Amino acid sequence: MKNFDIDKLKKKDAHTWGLFLNKCAKFVRREVYRWKGTESDFEEIMGELEVKVWKYLQCRLFNDWDNFGGWVWTVTDSVTKNYFKHKKRDEKRFIPFEDTRIINSEDEEDKFIQQEQKTRVWKAIKHLETKKQNVIILHYYRDLRYDEIARILHTTRNNVYQLHKRAKEELCRILKR
């Protein structure tokens, strides 16, 4: 990997930061492909990685590229593995909202059951904090991506990701009662 000027990265020089993220993106894309992930997974991982690298770059004393470069690859690998590990775990625990939508069915009993599920999910959403409600509704019912939600809510993409993750966990707990 090309050596980047760490001082320019710390000052978040747009050109240097862009080159650095593009270089990281190549590695992350390979890892996402290896894990059979999607473009959405790639965007989530890159967002989390950018925040993590920026945060630690500001508080750690990296004087030479070798230490920083090695640390970046370790963190990139760790973030990617953790993302897919948590995604797999969440998929097992979470009832997708798509499953709660009413489909056209001739059977009145199916319609009734689906309506009950939808009502149950909405009641569970109402128990969430307002921020989490907004993220869930915008993501699942308005089909918005995290970066779009972040712009609407005037927050960071990573914060939206964290709110979404916590909201799903809380919804799972509520719905299991």
C-alpha atoms as a PDB file:
ATOM      1  CA  MET A   1       0.000   0.000   0.000  1.00  0.00           C
ATOM      2  CA  LYS A   2       1.194   3.456  -0.865  1.00  0.00           C
ATOM      3  CA  ASN A   3       2.485   5.511   2.043  1.00  0.00           C
ATOM      4  CA  PHE A   4       0.176   8.407   2.855  1.00  0.00           C
ATOM      5  CA  ASP A   5       1.213  11.532   4.725  1.00  0.00           C
ATOM      6  CA  ILE A   6      -0.219  10.891   8.189  1.00  0.00           C
ATOM      7  CA  ASP A   7      -0.269  14.607   9.015  1.00  0.00           C
ATOM      8  CA  LYS A   8      -2.430  15.291   5.945  1.00  0.00           C
ATOM      9  CA  LEU A   9      -4.748  12.470   6.958  1.00  0.00           C
ATOM     10  CA  LYS A  10      -5.036  13.906  10.474  1.00  0.00           C
ATOM     11  CA  LYS A  11      -5.940  17.296   8.986  1.00  0.00           C
ATOM     12  CA  LYS A  12      -8.442  15.445   6.777  1.00  0.00           C
ATOM     13  CA  ASP A  13      -6.926  16.800   3.582  1.00  0.00           C
ATOM     14  CA  ALA A  14      -9.683  15.959   1.081  1.00  0.00           C
ATOM     15  CA  HIS A  15      -7.397  14.650  -1.660  1.00  0.00           C
ATOM     16  CA  THR A  16      -5.233  12.499   0.625  1.00  0.00           C
ATOM     17  CA  TRP A  17      -8.237  11.237   2.586  1.00  0.00           C
ATOM     18  CA  GLY A  18     -10.020  10.315  -0.665  1.00  0.00           C
ATOM     19  CA  LEU A  19      -7.011   8.383  -1.967  1.00  0.00           C
ATOM     20  CA  PHE A  20      -6.668   6.625   1.358  1.00  0.00           C
ATOM     21  CA  LEU A  21     -10.369   5.611   1.454  1.00  0.00           C
ATOM     22  CA  ASN A  22     -10.216   4.392  -2.162  1.00  0.00           C
ATOM     23  CA  LYS A  23      -7.278   2.191  -1.254  1.00  0.00           C
ATOM     24  CA  CYS A  24      -9.156   0.824   1.771  1.00  0.00           C
ATOM     25  CA  ALA A  25     -12.262   0.341  -0.376  1.00  0.00           C
ATOM     26  CA  LYS A  26     -10.439  -2.081  -2.668  1.00  0.00           C
ATOM     27  CA  PHE A  27      -9.574  -4.321   0.271  1.00  0.00           C
ATOM     28  CA  VAL A  28     -13.066  -4.026   1.786  1.00  0.00           C
ATOM     29  CA  ARG A  29     -14.709  -4.876  -1.572  1.00  0.00           C
ATOM     30  CA  ARG A  30     -12.606  -8.036  -1.788  1.00  0.00           C
ATOM     31  CA  GLU A  31     -13.624  -9.000   1.736  1.00  0.00           C
ATOM     32  CA  VAL A  32     -17.318  -8.240   1.098  1.00  0.00           C
ATOM     33  CA  TYR A  33     -17.173 -10.344  -2.062  1.00  0.00           C
ATOM     34  CA  ARG A  34     -15.505 -13.152  -0.121  1.00  0.00           C
ATOM     35  CA  TRP A  35     -18.298 -13.030   2.484  1.00  0.00           C
ATOM     36  CA  LYS A  36     -20.919 -12.916  -0.319  1.00  0.00           C
ATOM     37  CA  GLY A  37     -22.083  -9.483   0.786  1.00  0.00           C
ATOM     38  CA  THR A  38     -23.956  -6.763  -1.088  1.00  0.00           C
ATOM     39  CA  GLU A  39     -23.218  -3.171  -2.064  1.00  0.00           C
ATOM     40  CA  SER A  40     -25.207  -2.097   0.985  1.00  0.00           C
ATOM     41  CA  ASP A  41     -22.901  -4.198   3.192  1.00  0.00           C
ATOM     42  CA  PHE A  42     -19.896  -2.543   1.559  1.00  0.00           C
ATOM     43  CA  GLU A  43     -21.304   0.938   2.276  1.00  0.00           C
ATOM     44  CA  GLU A  44     -22.023   0.047   5.911  1.00  0.00           C
ATOM     45  CA  ILE A  45     -18.535  -1.324   6.473  1.00  0.00           C
ATOM     46  CA  MET A  46     -16.850   1.648   4.773  1.00  0.00           C
ATOM     47  CA  GLY A  47     -18.879   4.070   6.899  1.00  0.00           C
ATOM     48  CA  GLU A  48     -17.956   2.285  10.097  1.00  0.00           C
ATOM     49  CA  LEU A  49     -14.321   1.980   9.042  1.00  0.00           C
ATOM     50  CA  GLU A  50     -14.034   5.662   8.139  1.00  0.00           C
ATOM     51  CA  VAL A  51     -15.384   6.738  11.529  1.00  0.00           C
ATOM     52  CA  LYS A  52     -13.151   4.302  13.398  1.00  0.00           C
ATOM     53  CA  VAL A  53      -9.979   5.263  11.501  1.00  0.00           C
ATOM     54  CA  TRP A  54     -10.706   8.987  11.832  1.00  0.00           C
ATOM     55  CA  LYS A  55     -11.422   8.693  15.558  1.00  0.00           C
ATOM     56  CA  TYR A  56      -8.294   6.714  16.361  1.00  0.00           C
ATOM     57  CA  LEU A  57      -6.116   8.737  14.026  1.00  0.00           C
ATOM     58  CA  GLN A  58      -6.937  11.816  16.103  1.00  0.00           C
ATOM     59  CA  CYS A  59      -6.184  10.273  19.480  1.00  0.00           C
ATOM     60  CA  ARG A  60      -3.211   7.998  18.726  1.00  0.00           C
ATOM     61  CA  LEU A  61       0.330   8.973  17.994  1.00  0.00           C
ATOM     62  CA  PHE A  62       1.182   7.375  14.691  1.00  0.00           C
ATOM     63  CA  ASN A  63       4.549   8.745  13.641  1.00  0.00           C
ATOM     64  CA  ASP A  64       5.375   6.361  10.870  1.00  0.00           C
ATOM     65  CA  TRP A  65       3.358   4.787   8.106  1.00  0.00           C
ATOM     66  CA  ASP A  66       4.349   1.210   8.946  1.00  0.00           C
ATOM     67  CA  ASN A  67       2.615   1.261  12.326  1.00  0.00           C
ATOM     68  CA  PHE A  68      -0.452   3.095  10.969  1.00  0.00           C
ATOM     69  CA  GLY A  69      -0.744   1.017   7.788  1.00  0.00           C
ATOM     70  CA  GLY A  70      -0.568  -2.247   9.731  1.00  0.00           C
ATOM     71  CA  TRP A  71      -3.121  -0.980  12.212  1.00  0.00           C
ATOM     72  CA  VAL A  72      -5.504   0.048   9.396  1.00  0.00           C
ATOM     73  CA  TRP A  73      -5.424  -3.412   7.810  1.00  0.00           C
ATOM     74  CA  THR A  74      -6.003  -5.083  11.155  1.00  0.00           C
ATOM     75  CA  VAL A  75      -8.975  -2.816  11.900  1.00  0.00           C
ATOM     76  CA  THR A  76     -10.377  -3.247   8.374  1.00  0.00           C
ATOM     77  CA  ASP A  77     -10.264  -7.002   8.688  1.00  0.00           C
ATOM     78  CA  SER A  78     -11.791  -6.876  12.169  1.00  0.00           C
ATOM     79  CA  VAL A  79     -14.608  -4.485  11.198  1.00  0.00           C
ATOM     80  CA  THR A  80     -15.506  -6.623   8.171  1.00  0.00           C
ATOM     81  CA  LYS A  81     -15.574  -9.893  10.123  1.00  0.00           C
ATOM     82  CA  ASN A  82     -17.588  -8.370  12.958  1.00  0.00           C
ATOM     83  CA  TYR A  83     -20.080  -6.815  10.545  1.00  0.00           C
ATOM     84  CA  PHE A  84     -20.860 -10.151   8.882  1.00  0.00           C
ATOM     85  CA  LYS A  85     -20.874 -12.031  12.180  1.00  0.00           C
ATOM     86  CA  HIS A  86     -23.441  -9.594  13.619  1.00  0.00           C
ATOM     87  CA  LYS A  87     -25.434  -9.497  10.390  1.00  0.00           C
ATOM     88  CA  LYS A  88     -25.757 -13.274  10.397  1.00  0.00           C
ATOM     89  CA  ARG A  89     -26.781 -13.283  14.059  1.00  0.00           C
ATOM     90  CA  ASP A  90     -29.326 -10.465  13.544  1.00  0.00           C
ATOM     91  CA  GLU A  91     -30.878 -12.193  10.536  1.00  0.00           C
ATOM     92  CA  LYS A  92     -31.586 -15.240  12.683  1.00  0.00           C
ATOM     93  CA  ARG A  93     -33.217 -13.194  15.452  1.00  0.00           C
ATOM     94  CA  PHE A  94     -35.151 -10.542  13.574  1.00  0.00           C
ATOM     95  CA  ILE A  95     -38.536 -10.826  11.902  1.00  0.00           C
ATOM     96  CA  PRO A  96     -38.228  -8.924   8.619  1.00  0.00           C
ATOM     97  CA  PHE A  97     -40.812  -6.196   8.180  1.00  0.00           C
ATOM     98  CA  GLU A  98     -41.490  -7.462   4.681  1.00  0.00           C
ATOM     99  CA  ASP A  99     -42.976 -10.580   6.269  1.00  0.00           C
ATOM    100  CA  THR A 100     -45.515  -8.455   8.118  1.00  0.00           C
ATOM    101  CA  ARG A 101     -46.941  -6.722   5.050  1.00  0.00           C
ATOM    102  CA  ILE A 102     -50.336  -7.833   3.901  1.00  0.00           C
ATOM    103  CA  ILE A 103     -50.238  -9.733   0.651  1.00  0.00           C
ATOM    104  CA  ASN A 104     -53.236 -10.330  -1.540  1.00  0.00           C
ATOM    105  CA  SER A 105     -54.723 -13.529  -0.306  1.00  0.00           C
ATOM    106  CA  GLU A 106     -58.110 -15.066  -0.844  1.00  0.00           C
ATOM    107  CA  ASP A 107     -57.989 -16.755   2.534  1.00  0.00           C
ATOM    108  CA  GLU A 108     -59.602 -14.525   5.174  1.00  0.00           C
ATOM    109  CA  GLU A 109     -57.691 -16.277   7.949  1.00  0.00           C
ATOM    110  CA  ASP A 110     -54.333 -15.452   6.294  1.00  0.00           C
ATOM    111  CA  LYS A 111     -55.359 -11.816   5.937  1.00  0.00           C
ATOM    112  CA  PHE A 112     -56.375 -11.697   9.582  1.00  0.00           C
ATOM    113  CA  ILE A 113     -53.089 -13.249  10.775  1.00  0.00           C
ATOM    114  CA  GLN A 114     -51.036 -10.909   8.609  1.00  0.00           C
ATOM    115  CA  GLN A 115     -52.983  -7.896   9.864  1.00  0.00           C
ATOM    116  CA  GLU A 116     -52.369  -9.020  13.451  1.00  0.00           C
ATOM    117  CA  GLN A 117     -48.620  -9.329  12.769  1.00  0.00           C
ATOM    118  CA  LYS A 118     -48.542  -5.876  11.215  1.00  0.00           C
ATOM    119  CA  THR A 119     -50.406  -4.407  14.193  1.00  0.00           C
ATOM    120  CA  ARG A 120     -48.047  -6.157  16.608  1.00  0.00           C
ATOM    121  CA  VAL A 121     -44.972  -4.770  14.841  1.00  0.00           C
ATOM    122  CA  TRP A 122     -46.404  -1.228  14.798  1.00  0.00           C
ATOM    123  CA  LYS A 123     -47.170  -1.444  18.526  1.00  0.00           C
ATOM    124  CA  ALA A 124     -43.604  -2.599  19.145  1.00  0.00           C
ATOM    125  CA  ILE A 125     -42.251   0.317  17.077  1.00  0.00           C
ATOM    126  CA  LYS A 126     -44.309   2.730  19.200  1.00  0.00           C
ATOM    127  CA  HIS A 127     -42.399   1.495  22.281  1.00  0.00           C
ATOM    128  CA  LEU A 128     -39.082   2.637  20.797  1.00  0.00           C
ATOM    129  CA  GLU A 129     -37.474   6.018  21.407  1.00  0.00           C
ATOM    130  CA  THR A 130     -38.384   8.612  18.790  1.00  0.00           C
ATOM    131  CA  LYS A 131     -34.955   8.492  17.121  1.00  0.00           C
ATOM    132  CA  LYS A 132     -35.115   4.730  16.752  1.00  0.00           C
ATOM    133  CA  GLN A 133     -38.705   4.888  15.490  1.00  0.00           C
ATOM    134  CA  ASN A 134     -37.658   7.365  12.814  1.00  0.00           C
ATOM    135  CA  VAL A 135     -34.757   5.202  11.660  1.00  0.00           C
ATOM    136  CA  ILE A 136     -36.896   2.037  11.469  1.00  0.00           C
ATOM    137  CA  ILE A 137     -39.748   3.748   9.631  1.00  0.00           C
ATOM    138  CA  LEU A 138     -37.478   5.548   7.173  1.00  0.00           C
ATOM    139  CA  HIS A 139     -35.398   2.447   6.490  1.00  0.00           C
ATOM    140  CA  TYR A 140     -38.093  -0.224   6.197  1.00  0.00           C
ATOM    141  CA  TYR A 141     -41.215   1.656   5.201  1.00  0.00           C
ATOM    142  CA  ARG A 142     -39.701   4.432   3.097  1.00  0.00           C
ATOM    143  CA  ASP A 143     -36.844   2.263   1.745  1.00  0.00           C
ATOM    144  CA  LEU A 144     -34.158   4.866   2.468  1.00  0.00           C
ATOM    145  CA  ARG A 145     -30.458   4.088   2.813  1.00  0.00           C
ATOM    146  CA  TYR A 146     -28.479   5.039   5.920  1.00  0.00           C
ATOM    147  CA  ASP A 147     -26.824   8.044   4.274  1.00  0.00           C
ATOM    148  CA  GLU A 148     -30.234   9.404   3.190  1.00  0.00           C
ATOM    149  CA  ILE A 149     -31.628   8.919   6.695  1.00  0.00           C
ATOM    150  CA  ALA A 150     -28.567  10.646   8.152  1.00  0.00           C
ATOM    151  CA  ARG A 151     -29.223  13.721   5.993  1.00  0.00           C
ATOM    152  CA  ILE A 152     -32.882  13.821   7.021  1.00  0.00           C
ATOM    153  CA  LEU A 153     -32.134  13.412  10.735  1.00  0.00           C
ATOM    154  CA  HIS A 154     -29.085  15.730  10.644  1.00  0.00           C
ATOM    155  CA  THR A 155     -26.732  13.131  12.061  1.00  0.00           C
ATOM    156  CA  THR A 156     -23.929  10.891  10.875  1.00  0.00           C
ATOM    157  CA  ARG A 157     -24.344   7.740   8.845  1.00  0.00           C
ATOM    158  CA  ASN A 158     -22.622   5.729  11.556  1.00  0.00           C
ATOM    159  CA  ASN A 159     -25.064   7.050  14.163  1.00  0.00           C
ATOM    160  CA  VAL A 160     -27.984   5.947  11.971  1.00  0.00           C
ATOM    161  CA  TYR A 161     -26.378   2.502  11.657  1.00  0.00           C
ATOM    162  CA  GLN A 162     -26.003   2.238  15.447  1.00  0.00           C
ATOM    163  CA  LEU A 163     -29.595   3.431  16.055  1.00  0.00           C
ATOM    164  CA  HIS A 164     -30.878   0.908  13.505  1.00  0.00           C
ATOM    165  CA  LYS A 165     -28.929  -1.915  15.085  1.00  0.00           C
ATOM    166  CA  ARG A 166     -30.143  -1.058  18.606  1.00  0.00           C
ATOM    167  CA  ALA A 167     -33.726  -0.567  17.413  1.00  0.00           C
ATOM    168  CA  LYS A 168     -33.745  -4.028  15.812  1.00  0.00           C
ATOM    169  CA  GLU A 169     -32.413  -5.588  19.010  1.00  0.00           C
ATOM    170  CA  GLU A 170     -35.035  -3.772  21.077  1.00  0.00           C
ATOM    171  CA  LEU A 171     -37.822  -4.777  18.674  1.00  0.00           C
ATOM    172  CA  CYS A 172     -36.747  -8.406  18.929  1.00  0.00           C
ATOM    173  CA  ARG A 173     -36.977  -8.231  22.720  1.00  0.00           C
ATOM    174  CA  ILE A 174     -40.410  -6.556  22.575  1.00  0.00           C
ATOM    175  CA  LEU A 175     -41.818  -8.984  20.008  1.00  0.00           C
ATOM    176  CA  LYS A 176     -40.621 -12.046  21.936  1.00  0.00           C
ATOM    177  CA  ARG A 177     -42.747 -11.067  24.958  1.00  0.00           C
END
